Amino acid sequence: MEFKFGSGVIMLPPLHISILTIIIIFFLVRWSKQLETRRFTVFIYFIISTYITPIYSSSSEEGDFQLWFPLGFVLIFFYLYRSERYHSSKMKASLLGLSIAIYQLIRHYIS
């Protein structure tokens, strides 16, 4: 989506991406209000949970293959599982981050 203003243009992502971004921000703000202290940690857990990394790589004459894995979510999950600072809002934010990581995985394998 683009908006032209004279000689300038503002480029925005597709409509479905913009709507999902607004919904994600709404949920993160709502869950951060459930915490008494350190409300920003919900956003940090979300951002870390979206990280994916290749864990296996192979190349042949036919092409390259990389097996990607949502490492950020696994790290956050084990940290929250072992931590005394566990709160359901943090787990919800990391699960939301996992959904974004899965979306990234699907986009990576399709393209």
N, C-alpha and C. Protein backbone atom coordinates (compact mmCIF):
# COMPACT_ATOMS: atom_id res chain seq x y z
N MET A 1 0.85 -1.15 0.00
CA MET A 1 0.00 0.00 0.00
C MET A 1 0.90 1.23 0.00
N GLU A 2 0.65 2.16 -0.85
CA GLU A 2 1.45 3.36 -0.90
C GLU A 2 0.57 4.59 -1.01
N PHE A 3 1.03 5.65 -0.36
CA PHE A 3 0.33 6.93 -0.38
C PHE A 3 1.27 7.96 -0.97
N LYS A 4 0.82 8.66 -2.01
CA LYS A 4 1.66 9.66 -2.68
C LYS A 4 1.29 11.04 -2.16
N PHE A 5 2.31 11.78 -1.78
CA PHE A 5 2.16 13.16 -1.32
C PHE A 5 3.13 14.02 -2.11
N GLY A 6 2.66 14.61 -3.19
CA GLY A 6 3.54 15.44 -4.01
C GLY A 6 4.65 14.61 -4.60
N SER A 7 5.88 14.92 -4.21
CA SER A 7 7.02 14.17 -4.74
C SER A 7 7.46 13.04 -3.81
N GLY A 8 6.77 12.85 -2.70
CA GLY A 8 7.13 11.79 -1.74
C GLY A 8 6.10 10.68 -1.71
N VAL A 9 6.54 9.52 -1.27
CA VAL A 9 5.67 8.36 -1.18
C VAL A 9 5.89 7.68 0.16
N ILE A 10 4.80 7.33 0.83
CA ILE A 10 4.86 6.55 2.06
C ILE A 10 4.45 5.13 1.73
N MET A 11 5.37 4.20 1.97
CA MET A 11 5.11 2.79 1.69
C MET A 11 4.72 2.08 2.98
N LEU A 12 3.59 1.40 3.00
CA LEU A 12 3.14 0.63 4.14
C LEU A 12 3.08 -0.84 3.78
N PRO A 13 3.21 -1.72 4.77
CA PRO A 13 3.09 -3.15 4.47
C PRO A 13 1.66 -3.49 4.04
N PRO A 14 1.47 -4.70 3.52
CA PRO A 14 0.11 -5.11 3.12
C PRO A 14 -0.88 -4.99 4.29
N LEU A 15 -2.13 -4.89 3.95
CA LEU A 15 -3.18 -4.64 4.94
C LEU A 15 -3.24 -5.73 6.02
N HIS A 16 -3.12 -7.01 5.63
CA HIS A 16 -3.21 -8.08 6.61
C HIS A 16 -2.04 -8.05 7.59
N ILE A 17 -0.86 -7.65 7.14
CA ILE A 17 0.29 -7.52 8.04
C ILE A 17 0.07 -6.35 9.00
N SER A 18 -0.47 -5.26 8.51
CA SER A 18 -0.74 -4.09 9.37
C SER A 18 -1.77 -4.42 10.45
N ILE A 19 -2.82 -5.13 10.07
CA ILE A 19 -3.86 -5.50 11.04
C ILE A 19 -3.31 -6.46 12.09
N LEU A 20 -2.52 -7.45 11.66
CA LEU A 20 -1.92 -8.38 12.62
C LEU A 20 -0.95 -7.67 13.56
N THR A 21 -0.22 -6.69 13.07
CA THR A 21 0.68 -5.92 13.92
C THR A 21 -0.08 -5.16 14.99
N ILE A 22 -1.18 -4.55 14.61
CA ILE A 22 -2.00 -3.82 15.58
C ILE A 22 -2.57 -4.78 16.63
N ILE A 23 -3.02 -5.95 16.21
CA ILE A 23 -3.57 -6.93 17.15
C ILE A 23 -2.49 -7.43 18.11
N ILE A 24 -1.29 -7.69 17.59
CA ILE A 24 -0.19 -8.15 18.44
C ILE A 24 0.19 -7.10 19.47
N ILE A 25 0.29 -5.85 19.04
CA ILE A 25 0.62 -4.78 19.98
C ILE A 25 -0.47 -4.63 21.03
N PHE A 26 -1.73 -4.77 20.63
CA PHE A 26 -2.84 -4.69 21.59
C PHE A 26 -2.71 -5.77 22.66
N PHE A 27 -2.46 -7.02 22.24
CA PHE A 27 -2.32 -8.11 23.21
C PHE A 27 -1.11 -7.91 24.12
N LEU A 28 0.01 -7.47 23.57
CA LEU A 28 1.21 -7.29 24.39
C LEU A 28 1.01 -6.19 25.43
N VAL A 29 0.36 -5.12 25.05
CA VAL A 29 0.09 -4.04 26.02
C VAL A 29 -0.87 -4.53 27.09
N ARG A 30 -1.87 -5.27 26.69
CA ARG A 30 -2.85 -5.80 27.65
C ARG A 30 -2.19 -6.76 28.64
N TRP A 31 -1.32 -7.65 28.14
CA TRP A 31 -0.64 -8.60 29.01
C TRP A 31 0.40 -7.92 29.89
N SER A 32 1.01 -6.85 29.39
CA SER A 32 2.01 -6.15 30.21
C SER A 32 1.35 -5.44 31.39
N LYS A 33 0.09 -5.05 31.23
CA LYS A 33 -0.62 -4.40 32.34
C LYS A 33 -0.94 -5.38 33.47
N GLN A 34 -0.89 -6.68 33.20
CA GLN A 34 -1.15 -7.67 34.24
C GLN A 34 0.05 -7.84 35.18
N LEU A 35 1.22 -7.39 34.76
CA LEU A 35 2.40 -7.49 35.61
C LEU A 35 2.46 -6.30 36.56
N GLU A 36 2.95 -6.53 37.75
CA GLU A 36 3.06 -5.45 38.72
C GLU A 36 4.32 -4.63 38.50
N THR A 37 5.43 -5.31 38.20
CA THR A 37 6.70 -4.62 37.97
C THR A 37 7.30 -5.12 36.67
N ARG A 38 8.23 -4.37 36.14
CA ARG A 38 8.97 -4.73 34.93
C ARG A 38 8.03 -5.13 33.80
N ARG A 39 7.12 -4.23 33.47
CA ARG A 39 6.11 -4.51 32.44
C ARG A 39 6.71 -4.68 31.05
N PHE A 40 7.88 -4.11 30.81
CA PHE A 40 8.49 -4.19 29.49
C PHE A 40 9.00 -5.59 29.17
N THR A 41 9.12 -6.47 30.16
CA THR A 41 9.66 -7.81 29.91
C THR A 41 8.77 -8.63 28.98
N VAL A 42 7.50 -8.34 28.96
CA VAL A 42 6.59 -9.04 28.05
C VAL A 42 7.03 -8.80 26.60
N PHE A 43 7.40 -7.59 26.28
CA PHE A 43 7.84 -7.26 24.93
C PHE A 43 9.17 -7.95 24.61
N ILE A 44 10.06 -8.01 25.60
CA ILE A 44 11.36 -8.66 25.40
C ILE A 44 11.17 -10.15 25.16
N TYR A 45 10.32 -10.81 25.95
CA TYR A 45 10.05 -12.22 25.75
C TYR A 45 9.45 -12.48 24.37
N PHE A 46 8.58 -11.60 23.93
CA PHE A 46 7.99 -11.74 22.61
C PHE A 46 9.05 -11.63 21.51
N ILE A 47 9.90 -10.62 21.60
CA ILE A 47 10.92 -10.40 20.57
C ILE A 47 11.90 -11.58 20.51
N ILE A 48 12.34 -12.05 21.67
CA ILE A 48 13.28 -13.17 21.70
C ILE A 48 12.62 -14.44 21.16
N SER A 49 11.35 -14.64 21.44
CA SER A 49 10.65 -15.85 21.00
C SER A 49 10.49 -15.92 19.49
N THR A 50 10.58 -14.82 18.80
CA THR A 50 10.42 -14.82 17.35
C THR A 50 11.69 -15.23 16.62
N TYR A 51 12.80 -15.43 17.32
CA TYR A 51 14.09 -15.73 16.68
C TYR A 51 14.13 -17.17 16.17
N ILE A 52 14.47 -17.33 14.89
CA ILE A 52 14.67 -18.66 14.31
C ILE A 52 16.10 -18.74 13.80
N THR A 53 16.64 -19.95 13.79
CA THR A 53 18.02 -20.15 13.35
C THR A 53 18.14 -21.50 12.64
N PRO A 54 19.06 -21.61 11.68
CA PRO A 54 19.25 -22.91 11.04
C PRO A 54 20.05 -23.83 11.96
N ILE A 55 19.60 -25.07 12.10
CA ILE A 55 20.32 -26.03 12.93
C ILE A 55 20.99 -27.11 12.08
N TYR A 56 20.61 -27.20 10.82
CA TYR A 56 21.22 -28.17 9.92
C TYR A 56 21.27 -27.56 8.53
N SER A 57 22.39 -27.74 7.86
CA SER A 57 22.54 -27.22 6.52
C SER A 57 23.20 -28.28 5.64
N SER A 58 22.68 -28.42 4.45
CA SER A 58 23.22 -29.40 3.52
C SER A 58 23.15 -28.82 2.12
N SER A 59 24.18 -29.10 1.33
CA SER A 59 24.15 -28.63 -0.05
C SER A 59 24.49 -29.79 -0.98
N SER A 60 23.88 -29.76 -2.12
CA SER A 60 24.11 -30.77 -3.15
C SER A 60 24.03 -30.09 -4.50
N GLU A 61 24.12 -30.89 -5.53
CA GLU A 61 24.03 -30.32 -6.88
C GLU A 61 22.64 -29.76 -7.15
N GLU A 62 21.64 -30.31 -6.48
CA GLU A 62 20.27 -29.85 -6.68
C GLU A 62 19.98 -28.53 -5.99
N GLY A 63 20.75 -28.20 -4.95
CA GLY A 63 20.53 -26.95 -4.24
C GLY A 63 20.92 -27.07 -2.78
N ASP A 64 20.63 -26.01 -2.05
CA ASP A 64 20.94 -25.97 -0.63
C ASP A 64 19.68 -26.24 0.18
N PHE A 65 19.88 -26.89 1.33
CA PHE A 65 18.77 -27.12 2.26
C PHE A 65 19.21 -26.70 3.64
N GLN A 66 18.35 -25.97 4.33
CA GLN A 66 18.60 -25.57 5.71
C GLN A 66 17.37 -25.92 6.54
N LEU A 67 17.62 -26.56 7.67
CA LEU A 67 16.55 -26.88 8.60
C LEU A 67 16.53 -25.80 9.67
N TRP A 68 15.44 -25.05 9.72
CA TRP A 68 15.32 -23.93 10.65
C TRP A 68 14.56 -24.37 11.88
N PHE A 69 14.86 -23.71 13.01
CA PHE A 69 14.30 -24.09 14.30
C PHE A 69 14.02 -22.82 15.12
N PRO A 70 12.88 -22.74 15.82
CA PRO A 70 12.58 -21.56 16.64
C PRO A 70 13.35 -21.59 17.97
N LEU A 71 14.63 -21.30 17.91
CA LEU A 71 15.51 -21.38 19.07
C LEU A 71 15.13 -20.38 20.16
N GLY A 72 14.68 -19.20 19.78
CA GLY A 72 14.30 -18.17 20.76
C GLY A 72 13.20 -18.64 21.68
N PHE A 73 12.18 -19.28 21.12
CA PHE A 73 11.08 -19.76 21.95
C PHE A 73 11.54 -20.85 22.90
N VAL A 74 12.38 -21.75 22.44
CA VAL A 74 12.87 -22.83 23.30
C VAL A 74 13.66 -22.26 24.48
N LEU A 75 14.50 -21.27 24.21
CA LEU A 75 15.27 -20.65 25.29
C LEU A 75 14.37 -19.97 26.31
N ILE A 76 13.39 -19.22 25.83
CA ILE A 76 12.46 -18.54 26.73
C ILE A 76 11.62 -19.53 27.50
N PHE A 77 11.18 -20.59 26.84
CA PHE A 77 10.35 -21.59 27.50
C PHE A 77 11.10 -22.23 28.66
N PHE A 78 12.34 -22.68 28.43
CA PHE A 78 13.10 -23.30 29.50
C PHE A 78 13.46 -22.30 30.60
N TYR A 79 13.72 -21.05 30.21
CA TYR A 79 14.00 -20.03 31.22
C TYR A 79 12.78 -19.80 32.12
N LEU A 80 11.61 -19.69 31.52
CA LEU A 80 10.40 -19.46 32.31
C LEU A 80 10.04 -20.68 33.14
N TYR A 81 10.31 -21.86 32.61
CA TYR A 81 10.00 -23.09 33.33
C TYR A 81 10.83 -23.22 34.60
N ARG A 82 12.10 -22.79 34.52
CA ARG A 82 13.00 -22.91 35.66
C ARG A 82 13.02 -21.67 36.55
N SER A 83 12.42 -20.60 36.13
CA SER A 83 12.52 -19.33 36.83
C SER A 83 11.45 -19.20 37.92
N GLU A 84 11.79 -18.43 38.93
CA GLU A 84 10.82 -18.10 39.98
C GLU A 84 9.95 -16.92 39.57
N ARG A 85 10.32 -16.24 38.51
CA ARG A 85 9.58 -15.08 38.04
C ARG A 85 8.54 -15.44 36.98
N TYR A 86 8.09 -16.68 36.98
CA TYR A 86 7.11 -17.12 35.99
C TYR A 86 5.81 -16.35 36.16
N HIS A 87 5.26 -15.92 35.05
CA HIS A 87 3.94 -15.29 35.03
C HIS A 87 3.27 -15.70 33.73
N SER A 88 1.99 -15.95 33.79
CA SER A 88 1.27 -16.43 32.60
C SER A 88 1.33 -15.42 31.45
N SER A 89 1.41 -14.15 31.74
CA SER A 89 1.50 -13.14 30.68
C SER A 89 2.78 -13.29 29.88
N LYS A 90 3.85 -13.64 30.57
CA LYS A 90 5.12 -13.84 29.86
C LYS A 90 5.05 -15.06 28.97
N MET A 91 4.40 -16.11 29.43
CA MET A 91 4.26 -17.31 28.60
C MET A 91 3.35 -17.04 27.41
N LYS A 92 2.29 -16.26 27.62
CA LYS A 92 1.40 -15.90 26.50
C LYS A 92 2.17 -15.12 25.44
N ALA A 93 3.01 -14.18 25.89
CA ALA A 93 3.79 -13.38 24.95
C ALA A 93 4.78 -14.26 24.19
N SER A 94 5.38 -15.23 24.86
CA SER A 94 6.33 -16.09 24.16
C SER A 94 5.60 -17.04 23.20
N LEU A 95 4.40 -17.47 23.53
CA LEU A 95 3.62 -18.28 22.60
C LEU A 95 3.20 -17.47 21.37
N LEU A 96 2.90 -16.20 21.59
CA LEU A 96 2.60 -15.32 20.46
C LEU A 96 3.85 -15.15 19.59
N GLY A 97 5.01 -15.07 20.23
CA GLY A 97 6.27 -15.01 19.49
C GLY A 97 6.53 -16.29 18.72
N LEU A 98 6.15 -17.44 19.30
CA LEU A 98 6.28 -18.71 18.59
C LEU A 98 5.41 -18.73 17.34
N SER A 99 4.23 -18.16 17.41
CA SER A 99 3.37 -18.13 16.23
C SER A 99 4.01 -17.28 15.11
N ILE A 100 4.66 -16.20 15.49
CA ILE A 100 5.36 -15.38 14.49
C ILE A 100 6.56 -16.15 13.94
N ALA A 101 7.26 -16.90 14.80
CA ALA A 101 8.39 -17.71 14.34
C ALA A 101 7.93 -18.79 13.36
N ILE A 102 6.80 -19.41 13.64
CA ILE A 102 6.27 -20.41 12.71
C ILE A 102 5.89 -19.76 11.39
N TYR A 103 5.34 -18.57 11.44
CA TYR A 103 5.03 -17.83 10.21
C TYR A 103 6.32 -17.57 9.43
N GLN A 104 7.40 -17.19 10.12
CA GLN A 104 8.67 -16.97 9.45
C GLN A 104 9.21 -18.26 8.83
N LEU A 105 9.04 -19.39 9.54
CA LEU A 105 9.47 -20.66 9.00
C LEU A 105 8.73 -21.01 7.72
N ILE A 106 7.43 -20.82 7.74
CA ILE A 106 6.62 -21.12 6.57
C ILE A 106 7.04 -20.23 5.40
N ARG A 107 7.23 -18.95 5.67
CA ARG A 107 7.67 -18.03 4.62
C ARG A 107 9.03 -18.41 4.08
N HIS A 108 9.92 -18.89 4.96
CA HIS A 108 11.26 -19.28 4.52
C HIS A 108 11.20 -20.50 3.62
N TYR A 109 10.41 -21.50 3.98
CA TYR A 109 10.34 -22.73 3.19
C TYR A 109 9.56 -22.55 1.90
N ILE A 110 8.63 -21.63 1.85
CA ILE A 110 7.86 -21.40 0.63
C ILE A 110 8.71 -20.67 -0.40
N SER A 111 9.49 -19.70 0.04
CA SER A 111 10.27 -18.91 -0.93
C SER A 111 11.59 -19.54 -1.27
